[in-house]
Amino acid sequence: MAYDTYSLIHIARDGPVVTATIDNPPINIVTLALFGELAQLAIELEADPSALVFVLKSADPDFFLAHFDVAALIAMAEGPQGPVDDASAYHEMCNRFQTMNTVTIAQIEGRVGGGGSELSMAFDMRFGVRGKTIINQMEVPIGIIPGGTGTQRMPRLIGRARALEVILGGIDMDAETAERWGWLNRALAAGEIDAYVSALARRIASFPPEAVRLAKQAIGAAALPLAEGCRVEGELFQTLLFSDTARTQMARFLELGGQTREGELRVAALSAEVAAG
C-alpha cells in the first residue's frame, strides 16, 4: 500500500509497522475532510496484508483529536432529518479499526474528546501522558449525545456508572484516572511515551504475524458468551498449533532455554530472542 493520498494525515512505514500522524490545525477538529481521510485509511489498512501494527498519533502536542466538527453538525441539523442509518458511517469506521486484523494503538499525548475519544476507544490499545492527556465527552452539555459509538464503547471500557459520570457530567477525565479506570492502558511520562509505544509496536511486529492476528481475533471473541468464546479460542489455537511456524518457534524456545529455571526467569526477553530467529 502506498498510503499517498492524504493531506491531513502523514503516514510513515517501518516494515509491518504503519504510523499515522494527524495534522489538521489549529486543534485537530474531526472535520468532514479529516473524517474522510481517517475512514479511507481504515479501509486501506484493513486491505493491507503486510500491515501488522498501526499507531495513530498527533502533530499537535496539546490536541490528539479535539472532537467532531460542531459547525458541520449544525449544518446537518439545518437540513432534512435523514434515516438513522445516516449516522452509521462513523460507526463503520470505528468498527473497522476495532475488527481489522492489524493491531491498532492510539498514542494520545494531549486532549481528546467527542468523536476523537470515540475513535480512540475503538483502538486495541490507548496510551497517554500523565499531567497532559485529558478525555472529555462534551456532547450532552451542548444538547446531543455521543453518536460515534461512545455510549456503547465507554461503558464496556470503564463500566456503566463511570461512563455516566463522564458523559452526563461532561467532565475532564485526566490520564491518571483514565489509567485507573481502564480507558488508558498506561499513563506515561511525557518523555517516555514515544519510546514505549514505538518499542511495543516493534516488539509485536517481530512476532509471527498469524499468531498476532489470531490472538487479536480470539480476544475479540471475549464479547461472546464464555462457552462460545472458548470454542473460538480452541479453534484458533488448533489452527496455529499445527502450523510449521509454531513448531519451529516452539522448538527454538526450548533450544534457547525455555522450560529451564534461568530461561523462565527472563521469559519476556527470551521470547524476543525466539522471534528474532
Protein backbone atom coordinates (compact mmCIF):
# COMPACT_ATOMS: atom_id res chain seq x y z
CA MET A 1 0.00 0.00 0.00
CA ALA A 2 1.29 3.46 -0.93
CA TYR A 3 -0.75 5.49 1.60
CA ASP A 4 -0.03 8.58 -0.53
CA THR A 5 -3.45 10.21 -0.92
CA TYR A 6 -3.66 12.04 2.41
CA SER A 7 -3.20 15.73 3.16
CA LEU A 8 -4.26 15.87 6.83
CA ILE A 9 -2.53 12.66 7.90
CA HIS A 10 1.18 11.94 7.49
CA ILE A 11 2.00 8.26 7.00
CA ALA A 12 5.32 6.60 7.83
CA ARG A 13 6.13 2.94 7.40
CA ASP A 14 8.76 0.78 9.07
CA GLY A 15 8.22 -2.72 7.71
CA PRO A 16 4.99 -4.09 9.20
CA VAL A 17 4.50 -1.02 11.45
CA VAL A 18 2.46 1.83 9.97
CA THR A 19 2.39 5.15 11.86
CA ALA A 20 -0.09 7.91 11.04
CA THR A 21 0.28 11.44 12.43
CA ILE A 22 -2.81 13.66 12.38
CA ASP A 23 -2.08 17.25 11.34
CA ASN A 24 -5.28 19.30 10.99
CA PRO A 25 -4.59 22.74 12.53
CA PRO A 26 -5.44 24.55 14.60
CA ILE A 27 -6.66 21.90 17.08
CA ASN A 28 -7.24 18.67 15.12
CA ILE A 29 -11.01 19.02 14.87
CA VAL A 30 -12.52 15.98 13.18
CA THR A 31 -13.72 17.92 10.15
CA LEU A 32 -15.57 16.17 7.37
CA ALA A 33 -12.32 16.19 5.39
CA LEU A 34 -10.35 14.56 8.23
CA PHE A 35 -13.15 12.08 8.84
CA GLY A 36 -12.99 11.13 5.17
CA GLU A 37 -9.24 10.56 5.36
CA LEU A 38 -9.49 8.52 8.56
CA ALA A 39 -12.25 6.38 7.04
CA GLN A 40 -10.20 5.83 3.89
CA LEU A 41 -7.13 4.99 5.95
CA ALA A 42 -9.12 2.35 7.83
CA ILE A 43 -10.14 0.79 4.52
CA GLU A 44 -6.56 0.77 3.23
CA LEU A 45 -5.16 -0.69 6.44
CA GLU A 46 -7.77 -3.41 6.51
CA ALA A 47 -6.80 -4.40 2.97
CA ASP A 48 -3.03 -4.28 3.56
CA PRO A 49 -1.77 -7.82 4.26
CA SER A 50 1.67 -6.57 5.31
CA ALA A 51 0.49 -4.07 7.95
CA LEU A 52 0.63 -5.80 11.33
CA VAL A 53 0.68 -2.85 13.76
CA PHE A 54 -0.82 0.62 13.30
CA VAL A 55 -0.01 3.60 15.54
CA LEU A 56 -2.09 6.80 15.44
CA LYS A 57 -0.60 9.96 16.94
CA SER A 58 -0.84 13.74 16.58
CA ALA A 59 1.43 16.50 15.32
CA ASP A 60 -0.13 18.85 17.91
CA PRO A 61 1.28 18.35 21.43
CA ASP A 62 -1.89 19.72 23.03
CA PHE A 63 -4.60 18.02 20.96
CA PHE A 64 -4.87 14.43 19.77
CA LEU A 65 -8.36 14.85 18.30
CA ALA A 66 -10.48 17.64 19.77
CA HIS A 67 -13.94 16.34 18.72
CA PHE A 68 -16.17 16.14 15.66
CA ASP A 69 -16.81 19.43 13.84
CA VAL A 70 -19.76 21.07 15.66
CA ALA A 71 -20.29 23.51 12.77
CA ALA A 72 -20.79 20.52 10.48
CA LEU A 73 -23.30 19.05 12.93
CA ILE A 74 -25.24 22.33 12.95
CA ALA A 75 -25.31 22.31 9.16
CA MET A 76 -26.64 18.75 9.22
CA ALA A 77 -29.31 19.73 11.73
CA GLU A 78 -30.49 22.59 9.50
CA GLY A 79 -31.24 20.17 6.67
CA PRO A 80 -33.91 17.47 6.48
CA GLN A 81 -33.69 14.73 9.07
CA GLY A 82 -32.22 11.64 7.48
CA PRO A 83 -32.73 7.99 8.37
CA VAL A 84 -30.96 6.54 11.38
CA ASP A 85 -28.55 4.75 9.05
CA ASP A 86 -27.06 8.11 8.05
CA ALA A 87 -25.10 8.07 11.32
CA SER A 88 -23.57 4.69 10.56
CA ALA A 89 -20.57 5.90 8.52
CA TYR A 90 -18.68 6.94 11.66
CA HIS A 91 -19.73 3.71 13.37
CA GLU A 92 -18.47 1.74 10.39
CA MET A 93 -15.08 3.46 10.53
CA CYS A 94 -14.70 2.82 14.27
CA ASN A 95 -15.78 -0.78 13.91
CA ARG A 96 -13.31 -1.30 11.06
CA PHE A 97 -10.40 -0.13 13.24
CA GLN A 98 -11.61 -2.45 16.01
CA THR A 99 -12.08 -5.58 13.94
CA MET A 100 -9.28 -5.34 11.34
CA ASN A 101 -6.55 -7.93 11.78
CA THR A 102 -3.98 -5.16 12.24
CA VAL A 103 -3.20 -4.24 15.86
CA THR A 104 -4.24 -0.62 16.48
CA ILE A 105 -2.60 1.67 19.05
CA ALA A 106 -3.62 5.26 19.88
CA GLN A 107 -0.77 7.40 21.25
CA ILE A 108 -2.72 10.21 22.94
CA GLU A 109 -0.38 12.92 24.17
CA GLY A 110 -2.90 15.77 24.52
CA ARG A 111 -6.63 16.35 24.74
CA VAL A 112 -9.09 14.02 23.07
CA GLY A 113 -12.83 14.50 23.09
CA GLY A 114 -16.14 13.72 21.46
CA GLY A 115 -15.73 11.79 18.23
CA GLY A 116 -11.97 11.67 18.74
CA SER A 117 -12.48 9.87 22.03
CA GLU A 118 -14.96 7.52 20.40
CA LEU A 119 -12.48 6.64 17.66
CA SER A 120 -9.76 6.09 20.28
CA MET A 121 -11.99 3.69 22.20
CA ALA A 122 -12.25 1.54 19.06
CA PHE A 123 -8.48 1.00 19.07
CA ASP A 124 -6.94 -2.07 20.63
CA MET A 125 -4.72 -0.05 22.98
CA ARG A 126 -4.52 3.54 24.19
CA PHE A 127 -1.55 5.22 25.87
CA GLY A 128 -1.49 8.70 27.40
CA VAL A 129 0.72 11.19 29.21
CA ARG A 130 0.49 11.96 32.91
CA GLY A 131 -0.48 15.57 33.50
CA LYS A 132 -1.26 16.11 29.80
CA THR A 133 -3.78 13.66 28.38
CA ILE A 134 -7.41 14.68 29.00
CA ILE A 135 -10.52 12.83 27.81
CA ASN A 136 -13.85 14.66 27.53
CA GLN A 137 -17.27 13.86 26.10
CA MET A 138 -18.81 17.29 25.58
CA GLU A 139 -21.95 16.22 23.73
CA VAL A 140 -24.61 16.27 26.47
CA PRO A 141 -23.75 19.84 27.59
CA ILE A 142 -24.37 21.05 24.01
CA GLY A 143 -27.68 19.23 23.69
CA ILE A 144 -26.81 15.96 21.95
CA ILE A 145 -25.28 12.62 22.95
CA PRO A 146 -22.13 10.83 21.80
CA GLY A 147 -23.13 9.47 18.40
CA GLY A 148 -19.94 7.84 17.18
CA THR A 149 -20.16 4.63 19.27
CA GLY A 150 -19.26 6.35 22.56
CA THR A 151 -22.37 5.42 24.54
CA GLN A 152 -21.67 1.77 23.69
CA ARG A 153 -17.89 1.61 23.98
CA MET A 154 -17.31 3.66 27.11
CA PRO A 155 -19.46 1.52 29.46
CA ARG A 156 -17.68 -1.55 28.13
CA LEU A 157 -14.31 0.02 28.93
CA ILE A 158 -14.88 1.71 32.28
CA GLY A 159 -18.27 0.48 33.49
CA ARG A 160 -21.78 1.95 33.34
CA ALA A 161 -21.61 4.25 36.37
CA ARG A 162 -18.28 5.79 35.40
CA ALA A 163 -19.42 6.21 31.80
CA LEU A 164 -22.48 8.06 33.08
CA GLU A 165 -20.25 10.31 35.18
CA VAL A 166 -18.07 11.19 32.20
CA ILE A 167 -20.83 11.52 29.58
CA LEU A 168 -23.59 13.14 31.65
CA GLY A 169 -21.17 15.30 33.62
CA GLY A 170 -19.18 16.46 30.59
CA ILE A 171 -16.15 16.31 32.90
CA ASP A 172 -12.46 16.10 32.10
CA MET A 173 -11.00 12.66 32.79
CA ASP A 174 -7.28 13.00 33.45
CA ALA A 175 -4.69 10.44 32.41
CA GLU A 176 -4.20 9.03 35.89
CA THR A 177 -7.95 8.44 36.31
CA ALA A 178 -8.24 7.05 32.78
CA GLU A 179 -5.46 4.56 33.52
CA ARG A 180 -7.04 3.54 36.82
CA TRP A 181 -10.47 3.10 35.24
CA GLY A 182 -9.19 1.16 32.22
CA TRP A 183 -9.68 3.78 29.49
CA LEU A 184 -5.90 4.00 29.06
CA ASN A 185 -3.55 1.04 29.09
CA ARG A 186 -0.88 3.20 30.73
CA ALA A 187 -0.30 6.83 31.64
CA LEU A 188 3.37 7.53 30.95
CA ALA A 189 5.72 10.44 31.43
CA ALA A 190 5.87 12.88 28.50
CA GLY A 191 9.43 11.89 27.74
CA GLU A 192 8.66 8.17 27.79
CA ILE A 193 5.52 7.63 25.72
CA ASP A 194 7.03 7.79 22.24
CA ALA A 195 9.81 5.33 23.06
CA TYR A 196 7.43 2.99 24.90
CA VAL A 197 4.80 2.87 22.15
CA SER A 198 7.43 2.52 19.42
CA ALA A 199 9.15 -0.33 21.26
CA LEU A 200 5.84 -2.10 21.90
CA ALA A 201 4.79 -1.75 18.26
CA ARG A 202 8.12 -3.11 17.03
CA ARG A 203 8.03 -5.97 19.54
CA ILE A 204 4.54 -7.06 18.48
CA ALA A 205 5.52 -6.73 14.82
CA SER A 206 8.52 -9.03 15.38
CA PHE A 207 6.31 -11.97 16.37
CA PRO A 208 4.75 -14.46 13.91
CA PRO A 209 2.06 -12.44 12.08
CA GLU A 210 -0.57 -15.17 12.10
CA ALA A 211 -0.19 -15.63 15.86
CA VAL A 212 -0.61 -11.88 16.41
CA ARG A 213 -3.67 -11.69 14.17
CA LEU A 214 -5.39 -14.76 15.60
CA ALA A 215 -4.64 -13.66 19.18
CA LYS A 216 -6.45 -10.39 18.47
CA GLN A 217 -9.33 -12.34 16.92
CA ALA A 218 -9.55 -14.64 19.94
CA ILE A 219 -9.56 -11.73 22.38
CA GLY A 220 -12.33 -10.14 20.32
CA ALA A 221 -14.39 -13.26 20.95
CA ALA A 222 -14.44 -12.35 24.65
CA ALA A 223 -17.53 -10.28 23.79
CA LEU A 224 -19.35 -13.57 23.15
CA PRO A 225 -20.81 -15.82 25.84
CA LEU A 226 -17.97 -17.65 27.60
CA ALA A 227 -18.61 -21.08 26.09
CA GLU A 228 -18.74 -19.66 22.58
CA GLY A 229 -15.63 -17.55 23.13
CA CYS A 230 -13.75 -20.59 24.41
CA ARG A 231 -14.82 -22.52 21.32
CA VAL A 232 -13.39 -19.78 19.09
CA GLU A 233 -10.18 -19.77 21.12
CA GLY A 234 -9.85 -23.54 20.82
CA GLU A 235 -10.29 -23.47 17.06
CA LEU A 236 -7.72 -20.72 16.60
CA PHE A 237 -5.28 -22.44 18.95
CA GLN A 238 -5.53 -25.64 16.93
CA THR A 239 -5.03 -23.71 13.69
CA LEU A 240 -1.74 -22.31 14.96
CA LEU A 241 -0.52 -25.37 16.85
CA PHE A 242 -0.31 -27.50 13.72
CA SER A 243 1.43 -24.83 11.64
CA ASP A 244 5.07 -25.08 10.56
CA THR A 245 5.79 -21.68 12.10
CA ALA A 246 4.56 -22.74 15.53
CA ARG A 247 6.56 -25.94 15.51
CA THR A 248 9.71 -24.04 14.54
CA GLN A 249 9.18 -21.31 17.13
CA MET A 250 8.36 -23.72 19.96
CA ALA A 251 11.45 -25.81 19.21
CA ARG A 252 13.60 -22.68 19.20
CA PHE A 253 12.08 -21.63 22.53
CA LEU A 254 13.33 -24.87 24.09
CA GLU A 255 16.73 -24.58 22.41
CA LEU A 256 17.27 -21.08 23.82
CA GLY A 257 16.43 -22.06 27.40
CA GLY A 258 12.66 -22.27 27.66
CA GLN A 259 11.47 -24.52 30.48
CA THR A 260 14.70 -24.03 32.39
CA ARG A 261 14.91 -22.04 35.59
CA GLU A 262 17.23 -19.45 34.06
CA GLY A 263 15.18 -19.10 30.91
CA GLU A 264 11.84 -18.76 32.63
CA LEU A 265 13.17 -16.04 34.96
CA ARG A 266 13.73 -13.92 31.83
CA VAL A 267 10.93 -15.27 29.66
CA ALA A 268 9.95 -11.90 28.12
CA ALA A 269 13.49 -11.33 26.85
CA LEU A 270 13.75 -14.98 25.81
CA SER A 271 10.55 -14.66 23.78
CA ALA A 272 12.04 -11.73 21.88
CA GLU A 273 15.13 -13.81 21.11
CA VAL A 274 12.93 -16.59 19.75
CA ALA A 275 11.16 -14.13 17.47
CA ALA A 276 14.46 -12.65 16.30
CA GLY A 277 15.36 -16.00 14.72
